[in-house]
C-alpha atoms as a PDB file:
ATOM      1  CA  UNK A   1      13.426  10.746 -31.706  1.00  0.00           C
ATOM      2  CA  UNK A   2      12.009   7.286 -31.859  1.00  0.00           C
ATOM      3  CA  UNK A   3      12.496   4.438 -29.472  1.00  0.00           C
ATOM      4  CA  UNK A   4      12.661   1.183 -30.983  1.00  0.00           C
ATOM      5  CA  UNK A   5       9.496  -0.609 -29.488  1.00  0.00           C
ATOM      6  CA  UNK A   6       8.174   2.708 -28.643  1.00  0.00           C
ATOM      7  CA  UNK A   7       8.227   3.350 -24.734  1.00  0.00           C
ATOM      8  CA  UNK A   8      10.428   4.929 -22.871  1.00  0.00           C
ATOM      9  CA  UNK A   9      11.903   3.301 -19.849  1.00  0.00           C
ATOM     10  CA  UNK A  10      12.775   4.351 -16.538  1.00  0.00           C
ATOM     11  CA  UNK A  11      14.170   2.866 -13.322  1.00  0.00           C
ATOM     12  CA  UNK A  12      15.250   3.101  -9.830  1.00  0.00           C
ATOM     13  CA  UNK A  13      17.121   1.176  -7.637  1.00  0.00           C
ATOM     14  CA  UNK A  14      18.530   1.148  -3.882  1.00  0.00           C
ATOM     15  CA  UNK A  15      21.653  -0.537  -2.710  1.00  0.00           C
ATOM     16  CA  UNK A  16      20.860  -3.322  -0.363  1.00  0.00           C
ATOM     17  CA  UNK A  17      22.403  -6.276   0.852  1.00  0.00           C
ATOM     18  CA  UNK A  18      24.254  -8.996  -1.260  1.00  0.00           C
ATOM     19  CA  UNK A  19      23.775 -12.905  -0.980  1.00  0.00           C
ATOM     20  CA  UNK A  20      24.885 -13.591   2.463  1.00  0.00           C
ATOM     21  CA  UNK A  21      23.287 -10.466   4.548  1.00  0.00           C
ATOM     22  CA  UNK A  22      21.042 -10.505   6.695  1.00  0.00           C
ATOM     23  CA  UNK A  23      18.497  -8.152   4.129  1.00  0.00           C
ATOM     24  CA  UNK A  24      18.507 -11.484   2.041  1.00  0.00           C
ATOM     25  CA  UNK A  25      14.602 -12.636   2.609  1.00  0.00           C
ATOM     26  CA  UNK A  26      13.382  -8.722   3.756  1.00  0.00           C
ATOM     27  CA  UNK A  27      14.157  -7.512  -0.021  1.00  0.00           C
ATOM     28  CA  UNK A  28      12.922 -10.355  -1.547  1.00  0.00           C
ATOM     29  CA  UNK A  29       9.248 -10.089   0.341  1.00  0.00           C
ATOM     30  CA  UNK A  30       9.256  -6.326  -0.665  1.00  0.00           C
ATOM     31  CA  UNK A  31       9.817  -7.225  -4.134  1.00  0.00           C
ATOM     32  CA  UNK A  32       6.991  -9.802  -3.989  1.00  0.00           C
ATOM     33  CA  UNK A  33       5.199  -6.947  -2.189  1.00  0.00           C
ATOM     34  CA  UNK A  34       5.559  -4.731  -4.906  1.00  0.00           C
ATOM     35  CA  UNK A  35       5.208  -7.329  -8.133  1.00  0.00           C
ATOM     36  CA  UNK A  36       3.913  -5.713 -11.386  1.00  0.00           C
ATOM     37  CA  UNK A  37       4.053  -6.693 -14.464  1.00  0.00           C
ATOM     38  CA  UNK A  38       2.391  -5.854 -17.722  1.00  0.00           C
ATOM     39  CA  UNK A  39      -0.202  -3.730 -19.317  1.00  0.00           C
ATOM     40  CA  UNK A  40      -0.916  -6.909 -21.023  1.00  0.00           C
ATOM     41  CA  UNK A  41      -0.242  -9.446 -17.740  1.00  0.00           C
ATOM     42  CA  UNK A  42      -2.607 -11.791 -17.425  1.00  0.00           C
ATOM     43  CA  UNK A  43      -3.844 -11.331 -14.074  1.00  0.00           C
ATOM     44  CA  UNK A  44      -5.151 -13.999 -11.071  1.00  0.00           C
ATOM     45  CA  UNK A  45      -3.920 -15.549  -8.681  1.00  0.00           C
ATOM     46  CA  UNK A  46       0.428 -16.259  -8.537  1.00  0.00           C
ATOM     47  CA  UNK A  47       0.261 -13.709 -10.984  1.00  0.00           C
ATOM     48  CA  UNK A  48       0.894 -10.613  -9.270  1.00  0.00           C
ATOM     49  CA  UNK A  49      -2.453  -8.894  -9.486  1.00  0.00           C
ATOM     50  CA  UNK A  50      -2.415  -8.420  -6.004  1.00  0.00           C
ATOM     51  CA  UNK A  51       0.946  -7.258  -6.190  1.00  0.00           C
ATOM     52  CA  UNK A  52       1.158  -3.176  -4.958  1.00  0.00           C
ATOM     53  CA  UNK A  53       2.238  -1.895  -8.709  1.00  0.00           C
ATOM     54  CA  UNK A  54      -0.010  -4.236 -10.311  1.00  0.00           C
ATOM     55  CA  UNK A  55      -3.418  -2.365  -8.301  1.00  0.00           C
ATOM     56  CA  UNK A  56      -2.202   1.079  -7.867  1.00  0.00           C
ATOM     57  CA  UNK A  57      -0.157   1.177 -11.284  1.00  0.00           C
ATOM     58  CA  UNK A  58      -1.005  -0.205 -13.433  1.00  0.00           C
ATOM     59  CA  UNK A  59      -4.832  -0.282 -12.729  1.00  0.00           C
ATOM     60  CA  UNK A  60      -4.369   2.939 -12.402  1.00  0.00           C
ATOM     61  CA  UNK A  61      -2.250   4.760 -14.533  1.00  0.00           C
ATOM     62  CA  UNK A  62      -3.676   3.862 -18.326  1.00  0.00           C
ATOM     63  CA  UNK A  63      -0.229   5.037 -20.007  1.00  0.00           C
ATOM     64  CA  UNK A  64       1.527   2.886 -17.921  1.00  0.00           C
ATOM     65  CA  UNK A  65       3.639  -0.109 -20.194  1.00  0.00           C
ATOM     66  CA  UNK A  66       4.409  -1.822 -17.249  1.00  0.00           C
ATOM     67  CA  UNK A  67       5.868  -1.872 -13.509  1.00  0.00           C
ATOM     68  CA  UNK A  68       7.395  -4.161 -12.130  1.00  0.00           C
ATOM     69  CA  UNK A  69       9.994  -4.161  -9.074  1.00  0.00           C
ATOM     70  CA  UNK A  70      13.947  -6.483  -9.622  1.00  0.00           C
ATOM     71  CA  UNK A  71      15.977  -7.629  -7.492  1.00  0.00           C
ATOM     72  CA  UNK A  72      20.231  -8.268  -8.170  1.00  0.00           C
ATOM     73  CA  UNK A  73      22.939  -9.590  -6.267  1.00  0.00           C
ATOM     74  CA  UNK A  74      26.024 -10.099  -5.829  1.00  0.00           C
ATOM     75  CA  UNK A  75      27.928 -11.482  -3.507  1.00  0.00           C
ATOM     76  CA  UNK A  76      29.066  -8.257  -1.816  1.00  0.00           C
ATOM     77  CA  UNK A  77      25.981  -6.083  -2.380  1.00  0.00           C
ATOM     78  CA  UNK A  78      23.055  -5.798  -4.474  1.00  0.00           C
ATOM     79  CA  UNK A  79      19.674  -3.898  -5.347  1.00  0.00           C
ATOM     80  CA  UNK A  80      16.056  -2.935  -5.199  1.00  0.00           C
ATOM     81  CA  UNK A  81      14.321  -1.280  -7.418  1.00  0.00           C
ATOM     82  CA  UNK A  82      11.121  -0.496  -9.296  1.00  0.00           C
ATOM     83  CA  UNK A  83      10.556   0.402 -13.185  1.00  0.00           C
ATOM     84  CA  UNK A  84       8.336   1.662 -15.554  1.00  0.00           C
ATOM     85  CA  UNK A  85       7.834   1.687 -19.205  1.00  0.00           C
ATOM     86  CA  UNK A  86       5.081   4.385 -21.368  1.00  0.00           C
ATOM     87  CA  UNK A  87       5.830   6.246 -24.230  1.00  0.00           C
ATOM     88  CA  UNK A  88       7.661   8.834 -24.650  1.00  0.00           C
ATOM     89  CA  UNK A  89       5.425  11.699 -23.885  1.00  0.00           C
ATOM     90  CA  UNK A  90       4.526  10.046 -20.684  1.00  0.00           C
ATOM     91  CA  UNK A  91       8.354   9.010 -19.367  1.00  0.00           C
ATOM     92  CA  UNK A  92       7.631  12.190 -16.880  1.00  0.00           C
ATOM     93  CA  UNK A  93       4.629  11.273 -15.113  1.00  0.00           C
ATOM     94  CA  UNK A  94       6.112   7.127 -14.760  1.00  0.00           C
ATOM     95  CA  UNK A  95       9.385   8.923 -13.228  1.00  0.00           C
ATOM     96  CA  UNK A  96       6.996  10.112 -10.429  1.00  0.00           C
ATOM     97  CA  UNK A  97       5.339   7.498 -10.530  1.00  0.00           C
ATOM     98  CA  UNK A  98       8.010   4.852  -9.278  1.00  0.00           C
ATOM     99  CA  UNK A  99       9.726   7.675  -7.309  1.00  0.00           C
ATOM    100  CA  UNK A 100       6.245   8.428  -5.358  1.00  0.00           C
ATOM    101  CA  UNK A 101       5.746   4.694  -4.771  1.00  0.00           C
ATOM    102  CA  UNK A 102       9.477   4.261  -3.172  1.00  0.00           C
ATOM    103  CA  UNK A 103       8.944   7.147  -1.025  1.00  0.00           C
ATOM    104  CA  UNK A 104       5.772   5.062   0.272  1.00  0.00           C
ATOM    105  CA  UNK A 105       7.666   2.202   0.478  1.00  0.00           C
ATOM    106  CA  UNK A 106      10.368   3.556   3.178  1.00  0.00           C
ATOM    107  CA  UNK A 107       7.527   6.314   4.822  1.00  0.00           C
ATOM    108  CA  UNK A 108       4.316   3.853   5.205  1.00  0.00           C
ATOM    109  CA  UNK A 109       3.391   1.037   7.290  1.00  0.00           C
ATOM    110  CA  UNK A 110       2.822  -1.744   5.194  1.00  0.00           C
ATOM    111  CA  UNK A 111      -0.275  -3.753   6.193  1.00  0.00           C
ATOM    112  CA  UNK A 112      -0.421  -7.379   7.394  1.00  0.00           C
ATOM    113  CA  UNK A 113      -2.718  -8.507   4.901  1.00  0.00           C
ATOM    114  CA  UNK A 114      -0.279  -6.979   2.182  1.00  0.00           C
ATOM    115  CA  UNK A 115       2.667  -8.414   4.297  1.00  0.00           C
ATOM    116  CA  UNK A 116       0.960 -11.925   4.768  1.00  0.00           C
ATOM    117  CA  UNK A 117       0.573 -11.994   1.393  1.00  0.00           C
ATOM    118  CA  UNK A 118       4.318 -10.837   0.132  1.00  0.00           C
ATOM    119  CA  UNK A 119       4.943 -13.208   2.303  1.00  0.00           C
ATOM    120  CA  UNK A 120       3.647 -16.307   1.099  1.00  0.00           C
END
């Protein structure tokens, strides 16, 4: 069946510490590093154009409508995740790309330049 706007949304998230956790700052840096936006993002300095999801998803896959990192913090627990959207016929590809980026974050060291950009 058709969606209201024609897009399917997918999200993958992992539990992190809450507001008072030592995970808070590193999690926020990871969110900035992943960044993202949507296919209509203007780009440009300070708008995520150098973020990993912008470069490696939105610029690479014409079917990707959006790809962005998100966080949600609460007193004792939180979430760090990646969400994306595409047309329904590309939802499997969207899910695979999001999962691949979560895996890459867990298994591949972040380059110094990318980390410094996310920290500032």
